[in-house]
């Protein structure tokens, strides 16, 4: 193999590498577009939500009483203000019961 043939082979390898680099750069440019990134985030978020629901369902099947207790505690936590207002009103009504009614029917 003489120098000229080695030079041509090197040029061919360089052209092939340049072509691969150009294709890779184009693929990267397409992959980094805002619309593609936005779609990737949506897909990953959807998959995460789906996986989370599946895992929660699996845990609920394994421990139904614990999940029910946790859901009840969470519901009571969310309803704490209305419940507190109800119990405060009942407490005041029971504590301050008048001996006679102010109305005629009572």
PDB file of N, CA and C in Angstrom:
ATOM      1  N   UNK A   1       0.845  -1.158   0.000  1.00  0.00           N
ATOM      2  CA  UNK A   1       0.000   0.000   0.000  1.00  0.00           C
ATOM      3  C   UNK A   1       0.900   1.234   0.000  1.00  0.00           C
ATOM      4  N   UNK A   2       0.721   2.045  -0.996  1.00  0.00           N
ATOM      5  CA  UNK A   2       1.576   3.228  -1.083  1.00  0.00           C
ATOM      6  C   UNK A   2       0.928   4.418  -0.383  1.00  0.00           C
ATOM      7  N   UNK A   3       1.621   5.495  -0.362  1.00  0.00           N
ATOM      8  CA  UNK A   3       1.165   6.680   0.361  1.00  0.00           C
ATOM      9  C   UNK A   3      -0.128   7.248  -0.220  1.00  0.00           C
ATOM     10  N   UNK A   4      -0.232   7.228  -1.533  1.00  0.00           N
ATOM     11  CA  UNK A   4      -1.434   7.806  -2.144  1.00  0.00           C
ATOM     12  C   UNK A   4      -2.692   7.005  -1.787  1.00  0.00           C
ATOM     13  N   UNK A   5      -2.593   5.715  -1.770  1.00  0.00           N
ATOM     14  CA  UNK A   5      -3.764   4.900  -1.425  1.00  0.00           C
ATOM     15  C   UNK A   5      -4.116   5.067   0.058  1.00  0.00           C
ATOM     16  N   UNK A   6      -3.095   5.191   0.908  1.00  0.00           N
ATOM     17  CA  UNK A   6      -3.387   5.439   2.326  1.00  0.00           C
ATOM     18  C   UNK A   6      -4.036   6.805   2.521  1.00  0.00           C
ATOM     19  N   UNK A   7      -3.576   7.781   1.733  1.00  0.00           N
ATOM     20  CA  UNK A   7      -4.169   9.111   1.804  1.00  0.00           C
ATOM     21  C   UNK A   7      -5.634   9.072   1.375  1.00  0.00           C
ATOM     22  N   UNK A   8      -5.930   8.374   0.279  1.00  0.00           N
ATOM     23  CA  UNK A   8      -7.322   8.269  -0.190  1.00  0.00           C
ATOM     24  C   UNK A   8      -8.185   7.534   0.832  1.00  0.00           C
ATOM     25  N   UNK A   9      -7.665   6.492   1.449  1.00  0.00           N
ATOM     26  CA  UNK A   9      -8.415   5.765   2.477  1.00  0.00           C
ATOM     27  C   UNK A   9      -8.687   6.667   3.678  1.00  0.00           C
ATOM     28  N   UNK A  10      -7.704   7.463   4.068  1.00  0.00           N
ATOM     29  CA  UNK A  10      -7.889   8.392   5.178  1.00  0.00           C
ATOM     30  C   UNK A  10      -8.938   9.443   4.832  1.00  0.00           C
ATOM     31  N   UNK A  11      -8.900   9.942   3.592  1.00  0.00           N
ATOM     32  CA  UNK A  11      -9.909  10.920   3.156  1.00  0.00           C
ATOM     33  C   UNK A  11     -11.303  10.296   3.169  1.00  0.00           C
ATOM     34  N   UNK A  12     -11.420   9.052   2.727  1.00  0.00           N
ATOM     35  CA  UNK A  12     -12.716   8.363   2.745  1.00  0.00           C
ATOM     36  C   UNK A  12     -13.231   8.191   4.177  1.00  0.00           C
ATOM     37  N   UNK A  13     -12.322   7.795   5.094  1.00  0.00           N
ATOM     38  CA  UNK A  13     -12.728   7.661   6.502  1.00  0.00           C
ATOM     39  C   UNK A  13     -13.145   9.015   7.081  1.00  0.00           C
ATOM     40  N   UNK A  14     -12.439  10.071   6.737  1.00  0.00           N
ATOM     41  CA  UNK A  14     -12.775  11.409   7.225  1.00  0.00           C
ATOM     42  C   UNK A  14     -14.128  11.852   6.675  1.00  0.00           C
ATOM     43  N   UNK A  15     -14.384  11.582   5.394  1.00  0.00           N
ATOM     44  CA  UNK A  15     -15.688  11.937   4.814  1.00  0.00           C
ATOM     45  C   UNK A  15     -16.825  11.168   5.487  1.00  0.00           C
ATOM     46  N   UNK A  16     -16.586   9.874   5.753  1.00  0.00           N
ATOM     47  CA  UNK A  16     -17.608   9.070   6.426  1.00  0.00           C
ATOM     48  C   UNK A  16     -17.862   9.593   7.845  1.00  0.00           C
ATOM     49  N   UNK A  17     -16.793   9.936   8.555  1.00  0.00           N
ATOM     50  CA  UNK A  17     -16.941  10.470   9.908  1.00  0.00           C
ATOM     51  C   UNK A  17     -17.660  11.817   9.879  1.00  0.00           C
ATOM     52  N   UNK A  18     -17.347  12.642   8.887  1.00  0.00           N
ATOM     53  CA  UNK A  18     -18.009  13.944   8.750  1.00  0.00           C
ATOM     54  C   UNK A  18     -19.504  13.750   8.479  1.00  0.00           C
ATOM     55  N   UNK A  19     -19.821  12.787   7.646  1.00  0.00           N
ATOM     56  CA  UNK A  19     -21.230  12.500   7.353  1.00  0.00           C
ATOM     57  C   UNK A  19     -21.978  12.018   8.592  1.00  0.00           C
ATOM     58  N   UNK A  20     -21.332  11.124   9.385  1.00  0.00           N
ATOM     59  CA  UNK A  20     -21.964  10.658  10.628  1.00  0.00           C
ATOM     60  C   UNK A  20     -22.153  11.812  11.600  1.00  0.00           C
ATOM     61  N   UNK A  21     -21.160  12.694  11.691  1.00  0.00           N
ATOM     62  CA  UNK A  21     -21.269  13.851  12.577  1.00  0.00           C
ATOM     63  C   UNK A  21     -22.417  14.751  12.137  1.00  0.00           C
ATOM     64  N   UNK A  22     -22.559  14.965  10.847  1.00  0.00           N
ATOM     65  CA  UNK A  22     -23.626  15.812  10.324  1.00  0.00           C
ATOM     66  C   UNK A  22     -24.997  15.200  10.650  1.00  0.00           C
ATOM     67  N   UNK A  23     -25.140  13.890  10.450  1.00  0.00           N
ATOM     68  CA  UNK A  23     -26.406  13.226  10.768  1.00  0.00           C
ATOM     69  C   UNK A  23     -26.706  13.287  12.271  1.00  0.00           C
ATOM     70  N   UNK A  24     -25.690  13.081  13.075  1.00  0.00           N
ATOM     71  CA  UNK A  24     -25.874  13.147  14.524  1.00  0.00           C
ATOM     72  C   UNK A  24     -26.274  14.549  14.954  1.00  0.00           C
ATOM     73  N   UNK A  25     -25.657  15.561  14.352  1.00  0.00           N
ATOM     74  CA  UNK A  25     -26.006  16.943  14.685  1.00  0.00           C
ATOM     75  C   UNK A  25     -27.453  17.243  14.288  1.00  0.00           C
ATOM     76  N   UNK A  26     -27.889  16.743  13.138  1.00  0.00           N
ATOM     77  CA  UNK A  26     -29.274  16.956  12.713  1.00  0.00           C
ATOM     78  C   UNK A  26     -30.248  16.260  13.672  1.00  0.00           C
ATOM     79  N   UNK A  27     -29.925  15.034  14.070  1.00  0.00           N
ATOM     80  CA  UNK A  27     -30.786  14.314  15.010  1.00  0.00           C
ATOM     81  C   UNK A  27     -30.855  15.049  16.348  1.00  0.00           C
ATOM     82  N   UNK A  28     -29.726  15.559  16.816  1.00  0.00           N
ATOM     83  CA  UNK A  28     -29.706  16.302  18.079  1.00  0.00           C
ATOM     84  C   UNK A  28     -30.514  17.582  17.957  1.00  0.00           C
ATOM     85  N   UNK A  29     -30.421  18.256  16.828  1.00  0.00           N
ATOM     86  CA  UNK A  29     -31.167  19.494  16.618  1.00  0.00           C
ATOM     87  C   UNK A  29     -32.670  19.220  16.641  1.00  0.00           C
ATOM     88  N   UNK A  30     -33.085  18.116  16.033  1.00  0.00           N
ATOM     89  CA  UNK A  30     -34.503  17.755  16.033  1.00  0.00           C
ATOM     90  C   UNK A  30     -34.958  17.370  17.440  1.00  0.00           C
ATOM     91  N   UNK A  31     -34.111  16.673  18.181  1.00  0.00           N
ATOM     92  CA  UNK A  31     -34.464  16.202  19.512  1.00  0.00           C
ATOM     93  C   UNK A  31     -34.555  17.346  20.521  1.00  0.00           C
ATOM     94  N   UNK A  32     -33.875  18.445  20.288  1.00  0.00           N
ATOM     95  CA  UNK A  32     -33.819  19.545  21.255  1.00  0.00           C
ATOM     96  C   UNK A  32     -34.792  20.664  20.908  1.00  0.00           C
ATOM     97  N   UNK A  33     -35.665  20.466  19.949  1.00  0.00           N
ATOM     98  CA  UNK A  33     -36.651  21.503  19.637  1.00  0.00           C
ATOM     99  C   UNK A  33     -37.623  21.640  20.801  1.00  0.00           C
ATOM    100  N   UNK A  34     -38.137  22.842  21.045  1.00  0.00           N
ATOM    101  CA  UNK A  34     -39.046  23.045  22.175  1.00  0.00           C
ATOM    102  C   UNK A  34     -40.292  22.160  22.124  1.00  0.00           C
ATOM    103  N   UNK A  35     -40.844  21.966  20.944  1.00  0.00           N
ATOM    104  CA  UNK A  35     -42.040  21.124  20.844  1.00  0.00           C
ATOM    105  C   UNK A  35     -41.722  19.683  21.231  1.00  0.00           C
ATOM    106  N   UNK A  36     -40.583  19.183  20.803  1.00  0.00           N
ATOM    107  CA  UNK A  36     -40.200  17.802  21.137  1.00  0.00           C
ATOM    108  C   UNK A  36     -39.922  17.663  22.637  1.00  0.00           C
ATOM    109  N   UNK A  37     -39.236  18.645  23.223  1.00  0.00           N
ATOM    110  CA  UNK A  37     -38.981  18.609  24.666  1.00  0.00           C
ATOM    111  C   UNK A  37     -40.288  18.662  25.461  1.00  0.00           C
ATOM    112  N   UNK A  38     -41.213  19.508  25.006  1.00  0.00           N
ATOM    113  CA  UNK A  38     -42.499  19.622  25.677  1.00  0.00           C
ATOM    114  C   UNK A  38     -43.251  18.293  25.603  1.00  0.00           C
ATOM    115  N   UNK A  39     -43.231  17.656  24.447  1.00  0.00           N
ATOM    116  CA  UNK A  39     -43.906  16.370  24.295  1.00  0.00           C
ATOM    117  C   UNK A  39     -43.244  15.293  25.155  1.00  0.00           C
ATOM    118  N   UNK A  40     -41.922  15.317  25.238  1.00  0.00           N
ATOM    119  CA  UNK A  40     -41.215  14.351  26.088  1.00  0.00           C
ATOM    120  C   UNK A  40     -41.603  14.516  27.553  1.00  0.00           C
ATOM    121  N   UNK A  41     -41.699  15.766  28.000  1.00  0.00           N
ATOM    122  CA  UNK A  41     -42.087  16.024  29.389  1.00  0.00           C
ATOM    123  C   UNK A  41     -43.514  15.534  29.634  1.00  0.00           C
ATOM    124  N   UNK A  42     -44.415  15.805  28.693  1.00  0.00           N
ATOM    125  CA  UNK A  42     -45.795  15.335  28.839  1.00  0.00           C
ATOM    126  C   UNK A  42     -45.850  13.815  28.902  1.00  0.00           C
ATOM    127  N   UNK A  43     -45.095  13.149  28.034  1.00  0.00           N
ATOM    128  CA  UNK A  43     -45.090  11.682  28.024  1.00  0.00           C
ATOM    129  C   UNK A  43     -44.543  11.127  29.333  1.00  0.00           C
ATOM    130  N   UNK A  44     -43.450  11.697  29.810  1.00  0.00           N
ATOM    131  CA  UNK A  44     -42.860  11.204  31.055  1.00  0.00           C
ATOM    132  C   UNK A  44     -43.772  11.482  32.249  1.00  0.00           C
ATOM    133  N   UNK A  45     -44.424  12.645  32.282  1.00  0.00           N
ATOM    134  CA  UNK A  45     -45.339  12.949  33.374  1.00  0.00           C
ATOM    135  C   UNK A  45     -46.536  12.001  33.349  1.00  0.00           C
ATOM    136  N   UNK A  46     -47.052  11.747  32.167  1.00  0.00           N
ATOM    137  CA  UNK A  46     -48.174  10.810  32.053  1.00  0.00           C
ATOM    138  C   UNK A  46     -47.787   9.415  32.501  1.00  0.00           C
ATOM    139  N   UNK A  47     -46.602   8.989  32.118  1.00  0.00           N
ATOM    140  CA  UNK A  47     -46.132   7.666  32.543  1.00  0.00           C
ATOM    141  C   UNK A  47     -45.928   7.613  34.047  1.00  0.00           C
ATOM    142  N   UNK A  48     -45.414   8.690  34.635  1.00  0.00           N
ATOM    143  CA  UNK A  48     -45.205   8.722  36.086  1.00  0.00           C
ATOM    144  C   UNK A  48     -46.537   8.657  36.830  1.00  0.00           C
ATOM    145  N   UNK A  49     -47.532   9.383  36.340  1.00  0.00           N
ATOM    146  CA  UNK A  49     -48.852   9.351  36.979  1.00  0.00           C
ATOM    147  C   UNK A  49     -49.460   7.957  36.864  1.00  0.00           C
ATOM    148  N   UNK A  50     -49.358   7.363  35.690  1.00  0.00           N
ATOM    149  CA  UNK A  50     -49.903   6.019  35.490  1.00  0.00           C
ATOM    150  C   UNK A  50     -49.213   5.004  36.395  1.00  0.00           C
ATOM    151  N   UNK A  51     -47.895   5.087  36.490  1.00  0.00           N
ATOM    152  CA  UNK A  51     -47.158   4.181  37.374  1.00  0.00           C
ATOM    153  C   UNK A  51     -47.523   4.408  38.836  1.00  0.00           C
ATOM    154  N   UNK A  52     -47.693   5.652  39.229  1.00  0.00           N
ATOM    155  CA  UNK A  52     -48.076   5.962  40.605  1.00  0.00           C
ATOM    156  C   UNK A  52     -49.448   5.405  40.947  1.00  0.00           C
ATOM    157  N   UNK A  53     -50.382   5.531  40.026  1.00  0.00           N
ATOM    158  CA  UNK A  53     -51.724   4.990  40.264  1.00  0.00           C
ATOM    159  C   UNK A  53     -51.674   3.474  40.365  1.00  0.00           C
ATOM    160  N   UNK A  54     -50.898   2.841  39.494  1.00  0.00           N
ATOM    161  CA  UNK A  54     -50.782   1.382  39.531  1.00  0.00           C
ATOM    162  C   UNK A  54     -50.148   0.916  40.840  1.00  0.00           C
ATOM    163  N   UNK A  55     -49.131   1.617  41.300  1.00  0.00           N
ATOM    164  CA  UNK A  55     -48.494   1.246  42.566  1.00  0.00           C
ATOM    165  C   UNK A  55     -49.435   1.461  43.747  1.00  0.00           C
ATOM    166  N   UNK A  56     -50.194   2.562  43.716  1.00  0.00           N
ATOM    167  CA  UNK A  56     -51.149   2.820  44.794  1.00  0.00           C
ATOM    168  C   UNK A  56     -52.234   1.736  44.823  1.00  0.00           C
ATOM    169  N   UNK A  57     -52.692   1.327  43.653  1.00  0.00           N
ATOM    170  CA  UNK A  57     -53.698   0.264  43.596  1.00  0.00           C
ATOM    171  C   UNK A  57     -53.132  -1.052  44.122  1.00  0.00           C
ATOM    172  N   UNK A  58     -51.888  -1.339  43.801  1.00  0.00           N
ATOM    173  CA  UNK A  58     -51.262  -2.566  44.297  1.00  0.00           C
ATOM    174  C   UNK A  58     -51.129  -2.536  45.815  1.00  0.00           C
ATOM    175  N   UNK A  59     -50.729  -1.393  46.368  1.00  0.00           N
ATOM    176  CA  UNK A  59     -50.614  -1.266  47.824  1.00  0.00           C
ATOM    177  C   UNK A  59     -51.991  -1.339  48.475  1.00  0.00           C
ATOM    178  N   UNK A  60     -52.999  -0.781  47.830  1.00  0.00           N
ATOM    179  CA  UNK A  60     -54.347  -0.822  48.389  1.00  0.00           C
ATOM    180  C   UNK A  60     -54.868  -2.252  48.434  1.00  0.00           C
ATOM    181  N   UNK A  61     -54.525  -3.049  47.447  1.00  0.00           N
ATOM    182  CA  UNK A  61     -54.941  -4.450  47.460  1.00  0.00           C
ATOM    183  C   UNK A  61     -54.218  -5.225  48.555  1.00  0.00           C
ATOM    184  N   UNK A  62     -52.991  -4.841  48.858  1.00  0.00           N
ATOM    185  CA  UNK A  62     -52.227  -5.542  49.889  1.00  0.00           C
ATOM    186  C   UNK A  62     -52.662  -5.145  51.300  1.00  0.00           C
ATOM    187  N   UNK A  63     -52.973  -3.866  51.501  1.00  0.00           N
ATOM    188  CA  UNK A  63     -53.316  -3.364  52.840  1.00  0.00           C
ATOM    189  C   UNK A  63     -54.578  -2.499  52.780  1.00  0.00           C
ATOM    190  N   UNK A  64     -55.741  -3.101  52.603  1.00  0.00           N
ATOM    191  CA  UNK A  64     -56.956  -2.289  52.440  1.00  0.00           C
ATOM    192  C   UNK A  64     -57.349  -1.519  53.701  1.00  0.00           C
ATOM    193  N   UNK A  65     -57.128  -2.098  54.875  1.00  0.00           N
ATOM    194  CA  UNK A  65     -57.527  -1.411  56.111  1.00  0.00           C
ATOM    195  C   UNK A  65     -56.638  -0.196  56.359  1.00  0.00           C
ATOM    196  N   UNK A  66     -55.354  -0.335  56.124  1.00  0.00           N
ATOM    197  CA  UNK A  66     -54.436   0.788  56.323  1.00  0.00           C
ATOM    198  C   UNK A  66     -54.751   1.920  55.343  1.00  0.00           C
ATOM    199  N   UNK A  67     -55.059   1.573  54.105  1.00  0.00           N
ATOM    200  CA  UNK A  67     -55.390   2.604  53.114  1.00  0.00           C
ATOM    201  C   UNK A  67     -56.702   3.286  53.494  1.00  0.00           C
ATOM    202  N   UNK A  68     -57.673   2.512  53.971  1.00  0.00           N
ATOM    203  CA  UNK A  68     -58.937   3.101  54.405  1.00  0.00           C
ATOM    204  C   UNK A  68     -58.753   4.035  55.584  1.00  0.00           C
ATOM    205  N   UNK A  69     -57.918   3.637  56.527  1.00  0.00           N
ATOM    206  CA  UNK A  69     -57.646   4.494  57.684  1.00  0.00           C
ATOM    207  C   UNK A  69     -56.929   5.772  57.265  1.00  0.00           C
ATOM    208  N   UNK A  70     -55.982   5.645  56.365  1.00  0.00           N
ATOM    209  CA  UNK A  70     -55.267   6.829  55.886  1.00  0.00           C
ATOM    210  C   UNK A  70     -56.200   7.763  55.127  1.00  0.00           C
ATOM    211  N   UNK A  71     -57.088   7.199  54.312  1.00  0.00           N
ATOM    212  CA  UNK A  71     -58.045   8.036  53.571  1.00  0.00           C
ATOM    213  C   UNK A  71     -58.999   8.731  54.530  1.00  0.00           C
ATOM    214  N   UNK A  72     -59.434   8.028  55.560  1.00  0.00           N
ATOM    215  CA  UNK A  72     -60.312   8.642  56.558  1.00  0.00           C
ATOM    216  C   UNK A  72     -59.597   9.768  57.299  1.00  0.00           C
ATOM    217  N   UNK A  73     -58.356   9.531  57.690  1.00  0.00           N
ATOM    218  CA  UNK A  73     -57.586  10.578  58.381  1.00  0.00           C
ATOM    219  C   UNK A  73     -57.387  11.788  57.481  1.00  0.00           C
ATOM    220  N   UNK A  74     -57.126  11.544  56.208  1.00  0.00           N
ATOM    221  CA  UNK A  74     -56.942  12.659  55.270  1.00  0.00           C
ATOM    222  C   UNK A  74     -58.247  13.426  55.093  1.00  0.00           C
ATOM    223  N   UNK A  75     -59.368  12.710  55.010  1.00  0.00           N
ATOM    224  CA  UNK A  75     -60.671  13.373  54.894  1.00  0.00           C
ATOM    225  C   UNK A  75     -60.989  14.210  56.116  1.00  0.00           C
ATOM    226  N   UNK A  76     -60.693  13.679  57.295  1.00  0.00           N
ATOM    227  CA  UNK A  76     -60.905  14.461  58.516  1.00  0.00           C
ATOM    228  C   UNK A  76     -59.989  15.677  58.570  1.00  0.00           C
ATOM    229  N   UNK A  77     -58.778  15.513  58.075  1.00  0.00           N
ATOM    230  CA  UNK A  77     -57.857  16.648  58.025  1.00  0.00           C
ATOM    231  C   UNK A  77     -58.405  17.742  57.122  1.00  0.00           C
ATOM    232  N   UNK A  78     -58.955  17.343  55.969  1.00  0.00           N
ATOM    233  CA  UNK A  78     -59.505  18.339  55.050  1.00  0.00           C
ATOM    234  C   UNK A  78     -60.764  19.004  55.617  1.00  0.00           C
ATOM    235  N   UNK A  79     -61.517  18.286  56.453  1.00  0.00           N
ATOM    236  CA  UNK A  79     -62.764  18.823  56.996  1.00  0.00           C
ATOM    237  C   UNK A  79     -62.591  19.370  58.408  1.00  0.00           C
ATOM    238  N   UNK A  80     -61.394  19.713  58.819  1.00  0.00           N
ATOM    239  CA  UNK A  80     -61.171  20.102  60.210  1.00  0.00           C
ATOM    240  C   UNK A  80     -61.856  21.416  60.573  1.00  0.00           C
ATOM    241  N   UNK A  81     -61.893  22.378  59.689  1.00  0.00           N
ATOM    242  CA  UNK A  81     -62.533  23.653  60.027  1.00  0.00           C
ATOM    243  C   UNK A  81     -64.051  23.517  60.168  1.00  0.00           C
ATOM    244  N   UNK A  82     -64.731  22.883  59.191  1.00  0.00           N
ATOM    245  CA  UNK A  82     -66.177  22.723  59.387  1.00  0.00           C
ATOM    246  C   UNK A  82     -66.510  21.872  60.610  1.00  0.00           C
ATOM    247  N   UNK A  83     -65.706  20.838  60.866  1.00  0.00           N
ATOM    248  CA  UNK A  83     -65.956  20.007  62.042  1.00  0.00           C
ATOM    249  C   UNK A  83     -65.709  20.786  63.329  1.00  0.00           C
ATOM    250  N   UNK A  84     -64.650  21.576  63.343  1.00  0.00           N
ATOM    251  CA  UNK A  84     -64.365  22.390  64.532  1.00  0.00           C
ATOM    252  C   UNK A  84     -65.485  23.395  64.769  1.00  0.00           C
ATOM    253  N   UNK A  85     -65.986  24.004  63.714  1.00  0.00           N
ATOM    254  CA  UNK A  85     -67.084  24.961  63.869  1.00  0.00           C
ATOM    255  C   UNK A  85     -68.331  24.256  64.385  1.00  0.00           C
ATOM    256  N   UNK A  86     -68.614  23.055  63.879  1.00  0.00           N
ATOM    257  CA  UNK A  86     -69.775  22.302  64.334  1.00  0.00           C
ATOM    258  C   UNK A  86     -69.659  21.950  65.810  1.00  0.00           C
ATOM    259  N   UNK A  87     -68.512  21.406  66.211  1.00  0.00           N
ATOM    260  CA  UNK A  87     -68.347  21.024  67.608  1.00  0.00           C
ATOM    261  C   UNK A  87     -68.325  22.233  68.538  1.00  0.00           C
ATOM    262  N   UNK A  88     -67.764  23.345  68.095  1.00  0.00           N
ATOM    263  CA  UNK A  88     -67.768  24.553  68.916  1.00  0.00           C
ATOM    264  C   UNK A  88     -69.198  25.045  69.118  1.00  0.00           C
ATOM    265  N   UNK A  89     -69.989  25.011  68.050  1.00  0.00           N
ATOM    266  CA  UNK A  89     -71.379  25.455  68.160  1.00  0.00           C
ATOM    267  C   UNK A  89     -72.169  24.515  69.077  1.00  0.00           C
ATOM    268  N   UNK A  90     -71.949  23.214  68.960  1.00  0.00           N
ATOM    269  CA  UNK A  90     -72.629  22.259  69.833  1.00  0.00           C
ATOM    270  C   UNK A  90     -72.205  22.450  71.284  1.00  0.00           C
ATOM    271  N   UNK A  91     -70.926  22.698  71.513  1.00  0.00           N
ATOM    272  CA  UNK A  91     -70.424  22.910  72.875  1.00  0.00           C
ATOM    273  C   UNK A  91     -71.074  24.137  73.498  1.00  0.00           C
ATOM    274  N   UNK A  92     -71.148  25.204  72.741  1.00  0.00           N
ATOM    275  CA  UNK A  92     -71.755  26.426  73.261  1.00  0.00           C
ATOM    276  C   UNK A  92     -73.237  26.191  73.534  1.00  0.00           C
ATOM    277  N   UNK A  93     -73.921  25.477  72.646  1.00  0.00           N
ATOM    278  CA  UNK A  93     -75.342  25.208  72.852  1.00  0.00           C
ATOM    279  C   UNK A  93     -75.569  24.353  74.087  1.00  0.00           C
ATOM    280  N   UNK A  94     -74.722  23.371  74.312  1.00  0.00           N
ATOM    281  CA  UNK A  94     -74.900  22.502  75.474  1.00  0.00           C
ATOM    282  C   UNK A  94     -74.510  23.205  76.775  1.00  0.00           C
ATOM    283  N   UNK A  95     -73.521  24.058  76.731  1.00  0.00           N
ATOM    284  CA  UNK A  95     -73.031  24.735  77.940  1.00  0.00           C
ATOM    285  C   UNK A  95     -73.976  25.843  78.384  1.00  0.00           C
ATOM    286  N   UNK A  96     -74.505  26.594  77.458  1.00  0.00           N
ATOM    287  CA  UNK A  96     -75.332  27.754  77.783  1.00  0.00           C
ATOM    288  C   UNK A  96     -76.806  27.466  77.499  1.00  0.00           C
ATOM    289  N   UNK A  97     -77.331  26.422  78.099  1.00  0.00           N
ATOM    290  CA  UNK A  97     -78.738  26.111  77.905  1.00  0.00           C
ATOM    291  C   UNK A  97     -79.589  27.022  78.796  1.00  0.00           C
ATOM    292  N   UNK A  98     -80.504  27.718  78.194  1.00  0.00           N
ATOM    293  CA  UNK A  98     -81.365  28.574  79.032  1.00  0.00           C
ATOM    294  C   UNK A  98     -82.391  27.728  79.811  1.00  0.00           C
ATOM    295  N   UNK A  99     -82.764  28.228  80.995  1.00  0.00           N
ATOM    296  CA  UNK A  99     -83.763  27.519  81.790  1.00  0.00           C
ATOM    297  C   UNK A  99     -85.142  27.626  81.164  1.00  0.00           C
ATOM    298  N   UNK A 100     -85.432  28.758  80.606  1.00  0.00           N
ATOM    299  CA  UNK A 100     -86.727  28.948  79.938  1.00  0.00           C
ATOM    300  C   UNK A 100     -86.470  29.515  78.553  1.00  0.00           C
ATOM    301  N   UNK A 101     -87.345  29.207  77.683  1.00  0.00           N
ATOM    302  CA  UNK A 101     -87.193  29.647  76.312  1.00  0.00           C
ATOM    303  C   UNK A 101     -87.685  31.067  76.163  1.00  0.00           C
ATOM    304  N   UNK A 102     -87.132  31.782  75.253  1.00  0.00           N
ATOM    305  CA  UNK A 102     -87.555  33.150  75.010  1.00  0.00           C
ATOM    306  C   UNK A 102     -88.753  33.200  74.091  1.00  0.00           C
ATOM    307  N   UNK A 103     -89.087  32.084  73.492  1.00  0.00           N
ATOM    308  CA  UNK A 103     -90.258  32.045  72.638  1.00  0.00           C
ATOM    309  C   UNK A 103     -91.403  31.386  73.379  1.00  0.00           C
ATOM    310  N   UNK A 104     -92.585  31.510  72.891  1.00  0.00           N
ATOM    311  CA  UNK A 104     -93.770  30.982  73.568  1.00  0.00           C
ATOM    312  C   UNK A 104     -93.930  29.468  73.421  1.00  0.00           C
ATOM    313  N   UNK A 105     -93.299  28.898  72.401  1.00  0.00           N
ATOM    314  CA  UNK A 105     -93.556  27.484  72.137  1.00  0.00           C
ATOM    315  C   UNK A 105     -92.534  26.562  72.803  1.00  0.00           C
ATOM    316  N   UNK A 106     -91.641  27.033  73.601  1.00  0.00           N
ATOM    317  CA  UNK A 106     -90.615  26.174  74.010  1.00  0.00           C
ATOM    318  C   UNK A 106     -90.299  25.949  75.376  1.00  0.00           C
TER     319      UNK A 106
END
